[in-house]
């Protein structure tokens, strides 16, 4: 009988000793929290684990997450270069090396006789990891330089792909992709459950609950399901620090964020029967409030919470000396980047930032509305 993807994932975890966890470039809070939950889980199982994310910077308000400082910015030292010397006929007396002028020179002194060129061979050693787990990435390209710079490693190493987005390309050897889940952290909980609840402690529970809360905006979005509520309840019973999560993600707003939020709410507009809501912010709004681009995700969070019927939420804004830019959040599984292919948008599958080709804010608004119309129609 063929094993289910979840059973295959458990089997891969059980037989692997060295596991690499990869987050997408510009990860969502769900991806960060879920990845850290896996990292803690694997360490508890006695695995050698490492977690990487291209050009990673920990977002504000996420420092409370256990092991948040363990996320590395680049993937290094995944394979050794091996120099082999045949010593079956001539034994080694002494070995030394020097590095000069950009070259490594190895000096081998034989006990008797001498070595010849044919006694030396070179080869690539085995990879440092026997399994890869990708978190919240629709395809390998979303991993950025981690994947593009190590194509052979990802080709030769089994990949467990964990995601909940419809845009996922099923690229893994094992695809743990559940479109009914509200978050990737929810799927990782099911993986934890399959491994045995004895591995679910306070730290793992806190990370996974963080992912679920961030994705559902503290259970205020229409995507919340009885299943997600049941999982959250179990995580809290397992020691997840709900108050600490809420305080860091939603209640620790700066005065600048609150001022910017007020300006954005005053200009909220809606289309398509409330399915799309957006607001606009100009250069003076940032100057007078003292806010920065980093405050925009929290402004969007408030728009989502206050207009729960919305499927697409956007803030179109203009900073001094730059083109107008749009931040877009989607509460349903829509591949937004397909409608904004140019300009190198960055962010996660459900939230990304796109710099428009326009300096004028009204021209940018017209272009965004045109594309949103295509999405919703």
Protein backbone atom coordinates (compact mmCIF):
# COMPACT_ATOMS: atom_id res chain seq x y z
CA UNK A 1 0.00 0.00 0.00
CA UNK A 2 1.37 3.40 -1.01
CA UNK A 3 2.30 5.73 1.83
CA UNK A 4 0.56 9.10 2.17
CA UNK A 5 2.70 12.27 1.86
CA UNK A 6 2.52 12.69 5.65
CA UNK A 7 3.75 9.13 6.23
CA UNK A 8 6.53 9.67 3.68
CA UNK A 9 7.53 12.87 5.47
CA UNK A 10 7.76 11.05 8.81
CA UNK A 11 9.83 8.30 7.20
CA UNK A 12 12.24 10.84 5.66
CA UNK A 13 12.62 12.58 9.02
CA UNK A 14 13.27 9.33 10.87
CA UNK A 15 16.05 8.20 8.53
CA UNK A 16 17.73 11.59 8.10
CA UNK A 17 20.49 12.75 10.43
CA UNK A 18 21.39 16.13 8.92
CA UNK A 19 18.47 18.31 7.81
CA UNK A 20 18.49 21.71 6.10
CA UNK A 21 15.40 23.93 6.55
CA UNK A 22 14.94 26.58 3.83
CA UNK A 23 12.67 29.61 4.05
CA UNK A 24 11.67 31.71 1.02
CA UNK A 25 13.35 35.03 0.48
CA UNK A 26 11.31 37.79 2.21
CA UNK A 27 9.45 35.20 4.34
CA UNK A 28 6.08 35.73 5.97
CA UNK A 29 5.67 35.52 9.74
CA UNK A 30 4.08 32.12 9.15
CA UNK A 31 7.17 30.90 7.27
CA UNK A 32 9.56 32.20 9.94
CA UNK A 33 7.57 30.76 12.83
CA UNK A 34 6.90 27.44 11.10
CA UNK A 35 10.56 27.08 10.10
CA UNK A 36 11.73 27.74 13.65
CA UNK A 37 9.17 25.24 14.94
CA UNK A 38 10.67 22.60 12.63
CA UNK A 39 14.20 23.58 13.72
CA UNK A 40 13.30 23.10 17.40
CA UNK A 41 11.47 19.87 16.62
CA UNK A 42 14.40 18.35 14.75
CA UNK A 43 16.84 19.33 17.49
CA UNK A 44 14.62 17.64 20.04
CA UNK A 45 14.65 14.49 17.90
CA UNK A 46 18.46 14.50 18.00
CA UNK A 47 18.94 15.64 14.41
CA UNK A 48 21.61 18.06 13.22
CA UNK A 49 19.50 20.89 11.84
CA UNK A 50 20.25 24.20 10.15
CA UNK A 51 17.82 26.90 9.00
CA UNK A 52 18.63 29.37 6.21
CA UNK A 53 16.90 32.24 4.41
CA UNK A 54 18.53 34.32 1.65
CA UNK A 55 19.48 37.82 2.83
CA UNK A 56 17.36 37.37 5.96
CA UNK A 57 16.55 40.19 8.37
CA UNK A 58 14.34 39.42 11.36
CA UNK A 59 11.19 41.60 11.14
CA UNK A 60 10.29 43.92 13.99
CA UNK A 61 8.32 42.24 16.74
CA UNK A 62 9.67 38.73 16.04
CA UNK A 63 12.61 38.65 18.45
CA UNK A 64 10.53 36.79 21.05
CA UNK A 65 10.44 33.66 18.87
CA UNK A 66 12.60 30.84 20.28
CA UNK A 67 15.86 30.37 18.33
CA UNK A 68 15.09 33.39 16.11
CA UNK A 69 18.82 34.12 16.00
CA UNK A 70 19.52 30.70 14.44
CA UNK A 71 18.31 31.74 10.95
CA UNK A 72 21.33 32.15 8.66
CA UNK A 73 21.52 34.46 5.63
CA UNK A 74 23.38 32.17 3.24
CA UNK A 75 24.12 28.51 2.60
CA UNK A 76 27.79 27.63 3.01
CA UNK A 77 29.99 24.58 3.44
CA UNK A 78 27.52 22.03 2.09
CA UNK A 79 30.16 19.91 0.34
CA UNK A 80 33.87 19.18 0.82
CA UNK A 81 36.58 18.86 -1.83
CA UNK A 82 38.55 15.64 -1.27
CA UNK A 83 42.22 15.10 -2.18
CA UNK A 84 43.15 11.41 -2.02
CA UNK A 85 46.72 10.07 -1.84
CA UNK A 86 47.55 6.41 -2.36
CA UNK A 87 49.74 5.45 0.63
CA UNK A 88 49.55 1.67 0.15
CA UNK A 89 53.17 1.52 -1.00
CA UNK A 90 54.73 4.64 0.53
CA UNK A 91 53.81 5.69 4.07
CA UNK A 92 53.44 9.34 5.16
CA UNK A 93 56.03 10.83 7.50
CA UNK A 94 54.76 14.41 7.77
CA UNK A 95 51.93 16.60 6.44
CA UNK A 96 51.72 20.41 6.29
CA UNK A 97 50.24 23.18 4.17
CA UNK A 98 50.45 26.90 3.46
CA UNK A 99 48.16 29.38 1.71
CA UNK A 100 50.03 31.98 -0.34
CA UNK A 101 49.02 34.20 -3.25
CA UNK A 102 45.54 32.73 -3.34
CA UNK A 103 46.80 29.13 -3.55
CA UNK A 104 46.79 26.20 -1.14
CA UNK A 105 49.97 24.17 -1.20
CA UNK A 106 50.07 20.81 0.61
CA UNK A 107 53.42 19.31 1.56
CA UNK A 108 53.61 15.57 2.16
CA UNK A 109 56.89 14.01 3.31
CA UNK A 110 57.14 10.25 2.64
CA UNK A 111 58.85 7.91 5.07
CA UNK A 112 60.70 6.31 2.17
CA UNK A 113 60.57 6.56 -1.59
CA UNK A 114 58.47 9.29 -3.19
CA UNK A 115 54.96 10.05 -4.49
CA UNK A 116 54.00 10.57 -8.11
CA UNK A 117 51.15 12.51 -9.74
CA UNK A 118 49.29 9.28 -10.45
CA UNK A 119 49.09 8.61 -6.68
CA UNK A 120 46.89 11.69 -6.21
CA UNK A 121 43.19 11.93 -7.12
CA UNK A 122 40.54 14.52 -6.36
CA UNK A 123 36.79 14.25 -5.94
CA UNK A 124 33.79 16.04 -4.52
CA UNK A 125 32.74 14.75 -1.11
CA UNK A 126 29.21 13.91 -0.08
CA UNK A 127 26.79 16.71 0.77
CA UNK A 128 26.55 17.82 4.38
CA UNK A 129 22.76 17.26 4.50
CA UNK A 130 20.71 14.20 3.65
CA UNK A 131 17.34 15.98 3.56
CA UNK A 132 15.93 19.44 2.79
CA UNK A 133 12.66 20.85 4.12
CA UNK A 134 11.27 23.92 2.35
CA UNK A 135 8.69 25.99 4.22
CA UNK A 136 6.01 28.16 2.57
CA UNK A 137 7.74 28.27 -0.83
CA UNK A 138 5.66 27.76 -3.99
CA UNK A 139 8.78 26.85 -6.00
CA UNK A 140 12.52 26.61 -5.54
CA UNK A 141 13.04 30.03 -7.17
CA UNK A 142 11.40 31.61 -4.11
CA UNK A 143 14.40 30.49 -2.05
CA UNK A 144 16.59 32.94 -3.96
CA UNK A 145 20.39 32.39 -4.08
CA UNK A 146 20.12 29.48 -1.67
CA UNK A 147 18.60 27.37 -4.46
CA UNK A 148 19.95 29.06 -7.60
CA UNK A 149 23.52 28.88 -6.30
CA UNK A 150 23.30 25.23 -5.25
CA UNK A 151 21.32 23.57 -8.05
CA UNK A 152 23.15 20.22 -7.87
CA UNK A 153 22.59 19.95 -4.12
CA UNK A 154 18.83 20.45 -4.49
CA UNK A 155 18.76 18.02 -7.43
CA UNK A 156 20.53 15.24 -5.54
CA UNK A 157 19.01 15.74 -2.06
CA UNK A 158 15.42 14.68 -1.23
CA UNK A 159 13.22 17.72 -0.66
CA UNK A 160 10.18 17.79 1.65
CA UNK A 161 7.97 20.63 0.39
CA UNK A 162 5.58 22.01 3.08
CA UNK A 163 3.11 24.67 1.93
CA UNK A 164 -0.57 25.61 1.82
CA UNK A 165 -0.78 27.81 -1.30
CA UNK A 166 -2.52 26.82 -4.53
CA UNK A 167 0.39 28.23 -6.54
CA UNK A 168 2.73 25.51 -5.23
CA UNK A 169 4.36 23.61 -8.12
CA UNK A 170 4.74 20.30 -6.23
CA UNK A 171 8.51 20.33 -6.79
CA UNK A 172 9.49 18.16 -3.83
CA UNK A 173 10.29 14.46 -3.64
CA UNK A 174 7.58 14.62 -0.97
CA UNK A 175 4.89 17.32 -1.19
CA UNK A 176 3.11 18.03 2.06
CA UNK A 177 0.83 20.65 0.51
CA UNK A 178 -2.61 21.18 2.03
CA UNK A 179 -4.76 23.86 0.37
CA UNK A 180 -7.38 23.64 3.14
CA UNK A 181 -4.92 24.68 5.84
CA UNK A 182 -4.99 28.32 6.96
CA UNK A 183 -1.22 28.40 7.38
CA UNK A 184 1.93 26.40 6.80
CA UNK A 185 2.40 26.23 10.58
CA UNK A 186 -0.89 24.33 10.75
CA UNK A 187 0.55 21.66 8.43
CA UNK A 188 3.74 21.49 10.49
CA UNK A 189 1.56 20.83 13.55
CA UNK A 190 0.07 17.81 11.75
CA UNK A 191 3.63 16.67 10.96
CA UNK A 192 4.51 17.05 14.64
CA UNK A 193 1.44 15.05 15.58
CA UNK A 194 2.46 12.25 13.22
CA UNK A 195 5.92 12.14 14.80
CA UNK A 196 4.43 11.85 18.29
CA UNK A 197 3.07 14.47 20.68
CA UNK A 198 5.98 13.92 23.07
CA UNK A 199 8.01 16.28 20.86
CA UNK A 200 5.52 19.15 21.26
CA UNK A 201 6.83 21.36 24.06
CA UNK A 202 6.28 25.00 25.04
CA UNK A 203 8.80 26.39 22.55
CA UNK A 204 7.58 24.40 19.53
CA UNK A 205 3.96 25.18 20.46
CA UNK A 206 4.75 28.93 20.72
CA UNK A 207 6.32 29.07 17.26
CA UNK A 208 3.48 27.18 15.57
CA UNK A 209 0.79 29.24 17.29
CA UNK A 210 2.64 32.38 16.15
CA UNK A 211 2.38 31.20 12.54
CA UNK A 212 -1.34 30.50 12.83
CA UNK A 213 -2.12 33.77 14.63
CA UNK A 214 -0.11 35.84 12.13
CA UNK A 215 -1.83 34.21 9.17
CA UNK A 216 -5.35 34.60 10.57
CA UNK A 217 -4.69 38.08 12.05
CA UNK A 218 -5.42 36.70 15.51
CA UNK A 219 -8.37 34.60 14.23
CA UNK A 220 -10.18 37.58 12.71
CA UNK A 221 -9.99 36.67 9.00
CA UNK A 222 -12.70 34.71 7.18
CA UNK A 223 -10.19 31.91 6.48
CA UNK A 224 -10.38 30.68 10.09
CA UNK A 225 -11.69 27.11 10.27
CA UNK A 226 -12.82 24.83 13.12
CA UNK A 227 -9.65 22.85 12.48
CA UNK A 228 -7.37 25.87 12.93
CA UNK A 229 -9.18 26.79 16.16
CA UNK A 230 -8.84 23.22 17.47
CA UNK A 231 -5.12 23.19 16.67
CA UNK A 232 -4.64 26.57 18.36
CA UNK A 233 -6.43 25.25 21.44
CA UNK A 234 -4.14 22.22 21.57
CA UNK A 235 -1.04 24.41 21.18
CA UNK A 236 -2.15 26.68 24.05
CA UNK A 237 -2.77 23.60 26.20
CA UNK A 238 0.78 22.50 25.32
CA UNK A 239 2.23 25.72 26.69
CA UNK A 240 2.15 28.15 23.75
CA UNK A 241 2.55 31.70 25.06
CA UNK A 242 -0.48 33.31 23.41
CA UNK A 243 -0.32 36.62 25.31
CA UNK A 244 3.34 37.11 24.38
CA UNK A 245 2.56 36.41 20.72
CA UNK A 246 -0.33 38.89 20.61
CA UNK A 247 1.66 41.53 22.45
CA UNK A 248 4.60 41.32 20.05
CA UNK A 249 2.67 40.98 16.80
CA UNK A 250 -0.25 43.33 17.39
CA UNK A 251 -0.12 45.37 20.59
CA UNK A 252 3.36 46.87 20.45
CA UNK A 253 2.64 49.56 17.85
CA UNK A 254 4.74 52.70 17.78
CA UNK A 255 3.16 56.16 17.81
CA UNK A 256 4.35 56.60 14.21
CA UNK A 257 2.50 53.42 13.16
CA UNK A 258 -0.70 54.58 14.88
CA UNK A 259 -0.52 57.98 13.16
CA UNK A 260 0.06 56.38 9.76
CA UNK A 261 -2.78 53.92 10.45
CA UNK A 262 -5.13 56.85 11.15
CA UNK A 263 -4.26 58.55 7.86
CA UNK A 264 -4.70 55.31 5.92
CA UNK A 265 -8.09 54.55 7.51
CA UNK A 266 -9.33 58.05 6.71
CA UNK A 267 -8.81 57.37 2.99
CA UNK A 268 -10.01 53.76 2.71
CA UNK A 269 -11.86 52.95 -0.51
CA UNK A 270 -13.52 49.73 -1.58
CA UNK A 271 -14.45 48.01 -4.85
CA UNK A 272 -16.15 44.81 -6.00
CA UNK A 273 -18.61 44.77 -3.13
CA UNK A 274 -15.90 45.09 -0.51
CA UNK A 275 -13.68 42.32 -1.91
CA UNK A 276 -10.94 44.86 -2.59
CA UNK A 277 -10.06 47.68 -0.21
CA UNK A 278 -7.18 50.07 -0.50
CA UNK A 279 -5.77 53.32 0.77
CA UNK A 280 -3.18 55.81 -0.44
CA UNK A 281 -0.34 57.53 1.39
CA UNK A 282 1.80 60.36 0.06
CA UNK A 283 5.24 61.68 0.91
CA UNK A 284 3.85 64.14 3.47
CA UNK A 285 2.10 61.35 5.36
CA UNK A 286 5.44 59.71 6.11
CA UNK A 287 7.13 63.04 6.87
CA UNK A 288 4.46 64.21 9.33
CA UNK A 289 4.06 60.86 11.12
CA UNK A 290 7.71 59.84 11.20
CA UNK A 291 6.72 56.40 9.93
CA UNK A 292 8.75 54.20 7.57
CA UNK A 293 8.06 51.43 5.05
CA UNK A 294 8.40 48.92 7.90
CA UNK A 295 5.16 50.26 9.41
CA UNK A 296 3.07 49.42 6.35
CA UNK A 297 2.44 45.69 7.07
CA UNK A 298 0.88 46.61 10.41
CA UNK A 299 -1.30 49.24 8.73
CA UNK A 300 -2.52 46.54 6.32
CA UNK A 301 -3.17 44.19 9.25
CA UNK A 302 -5.54 46.75 10.74
CA UNK A 303 -7.35 47.15 7.43
CA UNK A 304 -7.83 43.37 7.22
CA UNK A 305 -9.17 43.16 10.77
CA UNK A 306 -11.56 46.08 10.28
CA UNK A 307 -12.88 44.91 6.89
CA UNK A 308 -13.12 41.09 7.22
CA UNK A 309 -14.94 40.68 3.88
CA UNK A 310 -11.93 41.87 1.87
CA UNK A 311 -9.97 39.37 -0.24
CA UNK A 312 -7.35 41.84 -1.46
CA UNK A 313 -5.99 44.68 0.67
CA UNK A 314 -3.54 47.27 -0.65
CA UNK A 315 -1.73 50.43 0.36
CA UNK A 316 -0.40 52.54 -2.51
CA UNK A 317 2.26 54.93 -1.29
CA UNK A 318 4.90 57.39 -2.44
CA UNK A 319 8.27 58.07 -0.80
CA UNK A 320 10.55 60.99 -1.65
CA UNK A 321 12.72 60.36 -4.71
CA UNK A 322 11.13 56.99 -5.50
CA UNK A 323 8.40 55.65 -7.75
CA UNK A 324 5.01 54.96 -6.22
CA UNK A 325 4.86 51.52 -4.62
CA UNK A 326 2.05 49.16 -3.59
CA UNK A 327 1.87 46.67 -0.72
CA UNK A 328 -0.73 43.97 -1.36
CA UNK A 329 -2.07 41.35 1.03
CA UNK A 330 -4.39 38.55 -0.04
CA UNK A 331 -6.56 36.52 2.34
CA UNK A 332 -7.25 33.78 -0.21
CA UNK A 333 -4.95 31.58 -2.27
CA UNK A 334 -4.27 33.79 -5.29
CA UNK A 335 -0.97 33.88 -7.19
CA UNK A 336 -0.52 37.64 -7.09
CA UNK A 337 2.89 37.66 -8.75
CA UNK A 338 1.35 36.33 -11.95
CA UNK A 339 -0.43 39.68 -12.33
CA UNK A 340 2.63 41.74 -11.37
CA UNK A 341 5.45 39.94 -13.23
CA UNK A 342 7.67 42.92 -14.02
CA UNK A 343 9.52 45.14 -11.60
CA UNK A 344 10.74 42.26 -9.43
CA UNK A 345 8.07 42.26 -6.72
CA UNK A 346 9.32 40.86 -3.42
CA UNK A 347 7.63 39.30 -0.43
CA UNK A 348 5.72 36.13 0.36
CA UNK A 349 2.98 34.41 -1.62
CA UNK A 350 0.26 36.25 0.29
CA UNK A 351 1.96 39.61 0.85
CA UNK A 352 4.31 41.40 -1.48
CA UNK A 353 5.61 44.82 -2.46
CA UNK A 354 5.70 46.04 -6.06
CA UNK A 355 7.33 49.26 -7.26
CA UNK A 356 5.23 50.77 -10.03
CA UNK A 357 6.82 52.50 -13.03
CA UNK A 358 5.11 55.78 -12.06
CA UNK A 359 6.25 58.76 -10.00
CA UNK A 360 2.70 60.08 -9.87
CA UNK A 361 0.56 58.49 -7.15
CA UNK A 362 -2.70 58.78 -9.14
CA UNK A 363 -1.16 57.09 -12.19
CA UNK A 364 0.04 54.27 -9.92
CA UNK A 365 -3.47 53.97 -8.46
CA UNK A 366 -4.99 53.59 -11.94
CA UNK A 367 -2.48 50.85 -12.85
CA UNK A 368 -3.07 48.93 -9.61
CA UNK A 369 -6.86 49.12 -10.06
CA UNK A 370 -6.53 47.83 -13.62
CA UNK A 371 -4.60 44.78 -12.47
CA UNK A 372 -6.81 44.11 -9.46
CA UNK A 373 -9.80 44.16 -11.79
CA UNK A 374 -8.14 41.37 -13.80
CA UNK A 375 -7.56 39.36 -10.64
CA UNK A 376 -11.07 39.64 -9.23
CA UNK A 377 -12.96 39.37 -12.49
